[in-house]
Amino acid sequence: MKPKIKPEDIILDVRPIFDQGGRPCEQIDRAMTALKPNQRLILLAPFEPTPLYSKFAARGLGSRAQELVDGSWRVEFALDTPISEVDHEATHLCCESSGS
């Protein structure tokens, strides 16, 4: 069972960006930068964003991923989450991990 969404959580649904042919890297980076210790970033994506796991882990954030019934993914990133709790392997890529 997924934890309830708290008012301080940041929810970012990037599915519409991908639907329009865009890449949400800037929005994801902004959300990651804005994340405070008591917050979670809840990312909704059309596929499992595997490159983000290492990118966020490099900043000390763990992740918990769940594939949804419609085939999209719900991924939580937070400081208090064990690094890389993933339901199963991915076959798609999102934003490349960068040194920034």
Protein backbone atom coordinates (compact mmCIF):
# COMPACT_ATOMS: atom_id res chain seq x y z
CA MET A 1 0.00 0.00 0.00
CA LYS A 2 1.38 3.41 -0.98
CA PRO A 3 1.72 6.12 1.69
CA LYS A 4 -0.91 8.82 1.68
CA ILE A 5 -0.07 12.08 -0.04
CA LYS A 6 0.78 14.78 2.47
CA PRO A 7 0.21 18.51 1.87
CA GLU A 8 3.97 19.14 1.82
CA ASP A 9 4.61 16.55 -0.93
CA ILE A 10 5.52 17.79 -4.40
CA ILE A 11 3.52 16.05 -7.11
CA LEU A 12 4.84 16.24 -10.65
CA ASP A 13 2.87 14.59 -13.45
CA VAL A 14 5.10 14.52 -16.53
CA ARG A 15 2.78 12.34 -18.63
CA PRO A 16 1.21 15.35 -20.44
CA ILE A 17 4.68 16.69 -21.30
CA PHE A 18 5.62 13.39 -22.93
CA ASP A 19 2.21 13.23 -24.64
CA GLN A 20 3.06 16.56 -26.31
CA GLY A 21 6.46 15.27 -27.46
CA GLY A 22 8.44 17.16 -24.82
CA ARG A 23 11.09 16.16 -22.30
CA PRO A 24 10.45 17.13 -18.68
CA CYS A 25 14.08 17.23 -17.55
CA GLU A 26 13.96 20.88 -16.49
CA GLN A 27 10.76 20.43 -14.47
CA ILE A 28 12.16 17.32 -12.77
CA ASP A 29 15.44 19.08 -11.93
CA ARG A 30 13.56 22.07 -10.48
CA ALA A 31 11.39 19.78 -8.34
CA MET A 32 14.45 17.85 -7.12
CA THR A 33 16.21 21.10 -6.19
CA ALA A 34 13.12 22.40 -4.36
CA LEU A 35 12.69 19.20 -2.31
CA LYS A 36 13.07 19.72 1.44
CA PRO A 37 13.93 17.01 4.00
CA ASN A 38 10.31 16.57 5.11
CA GLN A 39 8.95 16.31 1.56
CA ARG A 40 8.56 13.63 -1.07
CA LEU A 41 8.61 14.18 -4.79
CA ILE A 42 5.88 12.03 -6.30
CA LEU A 43 6.58 11.67 -10.00
CA LEU A 44 3.97 10.32 -12.41
CA ALA A 45 5.53 9.17 -15.68
CA PRO A 46 4.40 7.18 -18.73
CA PHE A 47 7.30 4.72 -18.17
CA GLU A 48 9.74 3.83 -15.44
CA PRO A 49 12.32 6.66 -15.31
CA THR A 50 15.31 4.47 -14.44
CA PRO A 51 18.08 7.08 -15.03
CA LEU A 52 16.51 9.24 -12.34
CA TYR A 53 17.19 6.62 -9.63
CA SER A 54 20.96 7.12 -9.77
CA LYS A 55 20.63 10.87 -10.33
CA PHE A 56 18.48 11.25 -7.21
CA ALA A 57 20.54 8.73 -5.21
CA ALA A 58 23.65 10.85 -5.87
CA ARG A 59 21.85 13.59 -3.95
CA GLY A 60 20.98 11.24 -1.09
CA LEU A 61 17.40 10.55 -2.11
CA GLY A 62 15.93 7.07 -2.11
CA SER A 63 13.13 5.96 -4.36
CA ARG A 64 10.09 3.73 -4.33
CA ALA A 65 8.51 2.86 -7.68
CA GLN A 66 5.21 1.28 -8.58
CA GLU A 67 3.76 0.47 -11.99
CA LEU A 68 0.14 1.61 -12.17
CA VAL A 69 -2.78 -0.26 -13.73
CA ASP A 70 -2.65 1.91 -16.88
CA GLY A 71 1.05 1.09 -17.42
CA SER A 72 2.33 4.44 -16.17
CA TRP A 73 4.61 4.76 -13.14
CA ARG A 74 4.38 6.44 -9.73
CA VAL A 75 7.80 7.05 -8.25
CA GLU A 76 8.44 8.62 -4.85
CA PHE A 77 11.76 10.25 -4.09
CA ALA A 78 12.62 11.21 -0.51
CA LEU A 79 15.50 11.40 1.92
CA ASP A 80 13.92 8.82 4.23
CA THR A 81 13.25 6.18 1.54
CA PRO A 82 15.67 3.27 1.12
CA ILE A 83 17.55 3.71 -2.14
CA SER A 84 15.95 1.94 -5.09
CA GLU A 85 12.82 0.07 -4.09
CA VAL A 86 11.63 -0.84 -7.59
CA ASP A 87 8.84 -3.25 -8.50
CA HIS A 88 10.62 -4.61 -11.60
CA GLU A 89 13.11 -3.79 -14.36
CA ALA A 90 12.49 -1.00 -16.85
CA THR A 91 12.94 -0.84 -20.58
CA HIS A 92 12.60 2.92 -21.21
CA LEU A 93 14.77 5.96 -20.58
CA CYS A 94 13.92 9.45 -19.37
CA CYS A 95 16.35 12.23 -18.60
CA GLU A 96 20.01 11.31 -18.70
CA SER A 97 21.86 11.61 -15.43
CA SER A 98 23.96 14.74 -15.45
CA GLY A 99 26.77 16.05 -13.33
CA SER A 100 24.82 19.21 -12.43
